[in-house]
Amino acid sequence: MSGTLDFLCAGAVQGLVKALQARFSQETGIAVQGRFGAVGAMKEALLAGEPCDVMIVTDAMVLSLQDSGALDARPRTALGRVRTGMAVRAGEPLPDVATPESLKACLLSATALYVPDTERSTAGIHFLSVLRALGIDQALAPRLRIFPNGATAMRELASSEPGAIGCTQITEILYTPGIALVGALPQQFELATVYSAAVTSGSARAQAAQRFVDLLGSADTRAMRAGGGFEFD
């Protein structure tokens, strides 16, 4: 076999996909290429006609796109559940974010808040809702540093000013050098998102695409997924 598979992938699954691209190519002779970003941006790209054989986004979005016919109706493959967490620069003290009160104090003392797109990314949308629930969204608006996706936000956090803090999916935090995971959001604000992969309707390489989807969610990759921040029931 030869050729290329195209994917569109949520940033939360970036580490897993990058870890498996070379293996899949070696096993099949098919190159795997694509891009990562906020789930909303990935949906927009798919619907705009960007080349895509495999879609990797939230399970809810996969179901919606299957219902609309944009993704193949064959069973989707769940990859695991990812929680949203807080991060600081590596080497800085880890603040207490275990309760709403301690999280609020931590955020108010931060010099800047690094987050993904607050309109199109899962973690960014949720983080903004947490700020509103805590009643500090207006006070902290000037300190928000918003980036297209969580991976970019975390890379920028790694080289940011002292005292900054970030929020995104835990998989993206663990994947980024130079930052440290503080912990998941408090239980009252917990967001655990299931990510899934599916083949795009009309893919010219549907068989190879399904093989890649199967690899992502296989028993062989379960330990890799767990180590990267995915959780399972």
Protein backbone atom coordinates (compact mmCIF):
# COMPACT_ATOMS: atom_id res chain seq x y z
CA MET A 1 0.00 0.00 0.00
CA SER A 2 1.06 3.60 -0.49
CA GLY A 3 -0.35 7.10 -0.45
CA THR A 4 -1.42 9.46 2.28
CA LEU A 5 -4.13 9.64 4.92
CA ASP A 6 -5.34 13.07 5.99
CA PHE A 7 -6.69 13.76 9.46
CA LEU A 8 -8.23 16.60 11.44
CA CYS A 9 -7.59 16.18 15.15
CA ALA A 10 -8.48 17.85 18.43
CA GLY A 11 -5.43 19.18 20.22
CA ALA A 12 -6.15 16.95 23.21
CA VAL A 13 -5.25 13.89 21.10
CA GLN A 14 -2.16 15.41 19.50
CA GLY A 15 0.35 13.46 21.58
CA LEU A 16 -1.24 10.11 20.78
CA VAL A 17 -1.51 10.75 17.05
CA LYS A 18 2.06 12.00 16.76
CA ALA A 19 3.32 8.97 18.68
CA LEU A 20 1.59 6.58 16.26
CA GLN A 21 2.07 8.24 12.87
CA ALA A 22 5.46 6.66 12.17
CA ARG A 23 4.36 3.22 13.39
CA PHE A 24 1.32 3.23 11.11
CA SER A 25 3.39 4.35 8.13
CA GLN A 26 5.97 1.62 8.76
CA GLU A 27 3.28 -1.04 9.02
CA THR A 28 1.23 0.05 6.01
CA GLY A 29 3.42 2.17 3.76
CA ILE A 30 0.84 4.95 4.04
CA ALA A 31 1.89 8.37 5.28
CA VAL A 32 -0.33 10.12 7.81
CA GLN A 33 -0.65 13.88 7.78
CA GLY A 34 -3.04 16.50 9.04
CA ARG A 35 -3.45 19.23 11.57
CA PHE A 36 -4.45 19.77 15.16
CA GLY A 37 -6.61 22.45 16.70
CA ALA A 38 -9.68 23.39 18.69
CA VAL A 39 -12.58 21.01 18.06
CA GLY A 40 -14.74 23.80 16.68
CA ALA A 41 -12.02 24.74 14.20
CA MET A 42 -11.65 21.11 13.13
CA LYS A 43 -15.38 20.84 12.48
CA GLU A 44 -15.31 24.04 10.45
CA ALA A 45 -12.39 22.72 8.40
CA LEU A 46 -14.15 19.42 7.67
CA LEU A 47 -17.38 21.08 6.61
CA ALA A 48 -15.43 23.56 4.46
CA GLY A 49 -14.00 20.66 2.48
CA GLU A 50 -10.48 20.40 3.87
CA PRO A 51 -8.97 16.97 2.98
CA CYS A 52 -9.81 14.54 5.74
CA ASP A 53 -9.99 10.75 5.97
CA VAL A 54 -10.01 10.48 9.78
CA MET A 55 -11.74 12.86 12.19
CA ILE A 56 -10.63 12.84 15.84
CA VAL A 57 -12.68 15.12 18.07
CA THR A 58 -15.04 14.90 21.02
CA ASP A 59 -17.38 11.93 21.07
CA ALA A 60 -20.40 14.24 21.04
CA MET A 61 -19.12 16.01 17.92
CA VAL A 62 -18.38 12.70 16.19
CA LEU A 63 -21.95 11.56 16.84
CA SER A 64 -23.33 14.84 15.53
CA LEU A 65 -21.22 14.64 12.37
CA GLN A 66 -22.28 11.04 11.84
CA ASP A 67 -25.92 12.05 12.16
CA SER A 68 -25.40 14.77 9.55
CA GLY A 69 -23.65 12.37 7.18
CA ALA A 70 -20.28 14.09 7.30
CA LEU A 71 -18.71 11.06 8.99
CA ASP A 72 -19.15 7.42 8.07
CA ALA A 73 -21.89 5.58 9.94
CA ARG A 74 -19.67 2.66 10.92
CA PRO A 75 -19.04 2.46 14.70
CA ARG A 76 -16.78 5.19 16.05
CA THR A 77 -13.80 4.32 18.25
CA ALA A 78 -13.63 5.88 21.70
CA LEU A 79 -10.09 6.71 22.81
CA GLY A 80 -10.75 7.62 26.43
CA ARG A 81 -11.79 10.40 28.73
CA VAL A 82 -9.68 13.52 29.30
CA ARG A 83 -10.11 15.93 32.20
CA THR A 84 -9.45 19.65 32.09
CA GLY A 85 -6.62 20.80 34.33
CA MET A 86 -4.40 23.64 35.46
CA ALA A 87 -0.71 24.09 34.69
CA VAL A 88 2.22 26.29 35.71
CA ARG A 89 5.73 26.74 34.41
CA ALA A 90 8.03 23.86 35.33
CA GLY A 91 9.88 24.53 38.56
CA GLU A 92 7.31 26.92 40.01
CA PRO A 93 5.38 26.01 43.18
CA LEU A 94 2.17 24.10 42.52
CA PRO A 95 -0.78 26.14 43.81
CA ASP A 96 -3.82 24.67 45.51
CA VAL A 97 -6.73 24.32 43.06
CA ALA A 98 -8.59 21.54 44.85
CA THR A 99 -11.62 23.61 45.87
CA PRO A 100 -13.55 26.48 44.25
CA GLU A 101 -12.24 28.82 46.94
CA SER A 102 -8.58 27.88 46.48
CA LEU A 103 -8.94 27.94 42.69
CA LYS A 104 -10.43 31.44 42.86
CA ALA A 105 -7.58 32.67 45.04
CA CYS A 106 -5.04 31.06 42.71
CA LEU A 107 -6.55 32.68 39.62
CA LEU A 108 -6.80 36.11 41.22
CA SER A 109 -3.12 35.98 42.18
CA ALA A 110 -1.94 34.86 38.72
CA THR A 111 -0.03 37.35 36.60
CA ALA A 112 -1.61 35.96 33.42
CA LEU A 113 -3.98 33.17 32.35
CA TYR A 114 -2.99 31.10 29.30
CA VAL A 115 -5.94 29.35 27.66
CA PRO A 116 -7.10 27.99 24.29
CA ASP A 117 -9.82 29.56 22.13
CA THR A 118 -12.70 30.48 24.44
CA GLU A 119 -15.26 30.14 21.63
CA ARG A 120 -14.20 26.99 19.73
CA SER A 121 -12.12 24.81 22.09
CA THR A 122 -13.57 22.47 24.70
CA ALA A 123 -11.25 23.59 27.50
CA GLY A 124 -11.37 27.29 26.62
CA ILE A 125 -15.16 27.44 26.57
CA HIS A 126 -15.31 25.60 29.88
CA PHE A 127 -12.64 27.72 31.56
CA LEU A 128 -14.51 30.89 30.70
CA SER A 129 -17.66 29.39 32.25
CA VAL A 130 -15.67 28.61 35.42
CA LEU A 131 -14.50 32.23 35.65
CA ARG A 132 -18.10 33.37 35.32
CA ALA A 133 -19.27 30.90 37.98
CA LEU A 134 -16.60 32.22 40.34
CA GLY A 135 -17.64 35.80 39.56
CA ILE A 136 -14.16 36.86 38.42
CA ASP A 137 -14.48 36.84 34.62
CA GLN A 138 -14.57 40.62 34.31
CA ALA A 139 -11.75 41.19 36.78
CA LEU A 140 -9.48 38.70 35.00
CA ALA A 141 -10.38 39.55 31.40
CA PRO A 142 -7.28 41.80 30.97
CA ARG A 143 -5.04 38.93 32.10
CA LEU A 144 -6.38 36.36 29.63
CA ARG A 145 -3.91 35.20 27.01
CA ILE A 146 -5.98 33.35 24.41
CA PHE A 147 -4.46 31.12 21.71
CA PRO A 148 -5.96 29.07 18.84
CA ASN A 149 -5.53 25.78 20.71
CA GLY A 150 -4.34 24.29 23.97
CA ALA A 151 -0.98 23.12 22.63
CA THR A 152 -0.05 26.66 21.59
CA ALA A 153 -1.32 28.10 24.87
CA MET A 154 0.82 25.68 26.86
CA ARG A 155 3.95 26.32 24.77
CA GLU A 156 3.51 30.02 25.38
CA LEU A 157 2.96 29.39 29.10
CA ALA A 158 6.30 27.57 29.23
CA SER A 159 8.12 30.76 28.22
CA SER A 160 5.82 33.18 30.02
CA GLU A 161 6.34 35.51 32.94
CA PRO A 162 6.63 34.20 36.52
CA GLY A 163 3.32 33.65 38.26
CA ALA A 164 1.32 32.81 35.14
CA ILE A 165 -1.05 29.85 35.07
CA GLY A 166 -2.76 27.93 32.28
CA CYS A 167 -5.81 25.79 31.72
CA THR A 168 -6.46 23.18 29.04
CA GLN A 169 -6.97 19.44 28.60
CA ILE A 170 -4.61 17.38 30.77
CA THR A 171 -3.28 15.46 27.75
CA GLU A 172 -2.00 18.73 26.28
CA ILE A 173 -0.40 19.74 29.57
CA LEU A 174 1.45 16.43 29.90
CA TYR A 175 2.58 16.60 26.27
CA THR A 176 4.18 20.06 26.57
CA PRO A 177 7.79 20.44 27.80
CA GLY A 178 8.48 23.21 30.27
CA ILE A 179 5.21 23.14 32.18
CA ALA A 180 3.88 21.10 35.08
CA LEU A 181 0.42 19.75 35.78
CA VAL A 182 -1.07 21.29 38.91
CA GLY A 183 -4.15 19.09 38.88
CA ALA A 184 -7.64 18.73 37.52
CA LEU A 185 -10.27 21.39 38.15
CA PRO A 186 -12.22 21.03 41.43
CA GLN A 187 -14.99 18.45 41.37
CA GLN A 188 -17.65 21.16 41.20
CA PHE A 189 -16.13 22.41 37.94
CA GLU A 190 -14.86 19.11 36.60
CA LEU A 191 -15.00 18.57 32.87
CA ALA A 192 -14.19 15.10 31.58
CA THR A 193 -14.46 14.83 27.81
CA VAL A 194 -14.50 11.60 25.80
CA TYR A 195 -12.63 11.77 22.51
CA SER A 196 -13.38 9.47 19.58
CA ALA A 197 -12.14 8.81 16.07
CA ALA A 198 -14.15 8.01 12.95
CA VAL A 199 -13.74 7.68 9.19
CA THR A 200 -14.95 10.51 7.00
CA SER A 201 -17.83 9.82 4.64
CA GLY A 202 -16.64 9.35 1.07
CA SER A 203 -13.00 8.81 2.03
CA ALA A 204 -11.09 7.34 -0.89
CA ARG A 205 -9.00 5.41 1.62
CA ALA A 206 -11.73 4.26 3.94
CA GLN A 207 -10.13 0.86 4.63
CA ALA A 208 -6.77 2.37 5.57
CA ALA A 209 -8.52 5.12 7.52
CA GLN A 210 -10.39 2.55 9.57
CA ARG A 211 -7.15 0.72 10.23
CA PHE A 212 -5.64 3.93 11.63
CA VAL A 213 -8.74 4.54 13.74
CA ASP A 214 -8.50 0.99 15.08
CA LEU A 215 -4.83 1.51 15.97
CA LEU A 216 -5.59 4.68 17.91
CA GLY A 217 -8.11 2.87 20.10
CA SER A 218 -6.46 -0.55 20.25
CA ALA A 219 -5.49 -2.55 23.33
CA ASP A 220 -1.86 -2.07 22.24
CA THR A 221 -2.11 1.67 22.74
CA ARG A 222 -4.10 1.66 25.97
CA ALA A 223 -1.02 2.04 28.20
CA MET A 224 0.26 4.84 25.97
CA ARG A 225 -3.08 6.62 26.21
CA ALA A 226 -3.19 6.21 29.99
CA GLY A 227 0.33 7.59 30.35
CA GLY A 228 -0.64 10.58 28.24
CA GLY A 229 -3.61 11.57 30.37
CA PHE A 230 -6.52 9.51 29.02
CA GLU A 231 -8.76 7.78 31.55
CA PHE A 232 -11.08 4.80 31.15
CA ASP A 233 -14.18 3.52 32.90
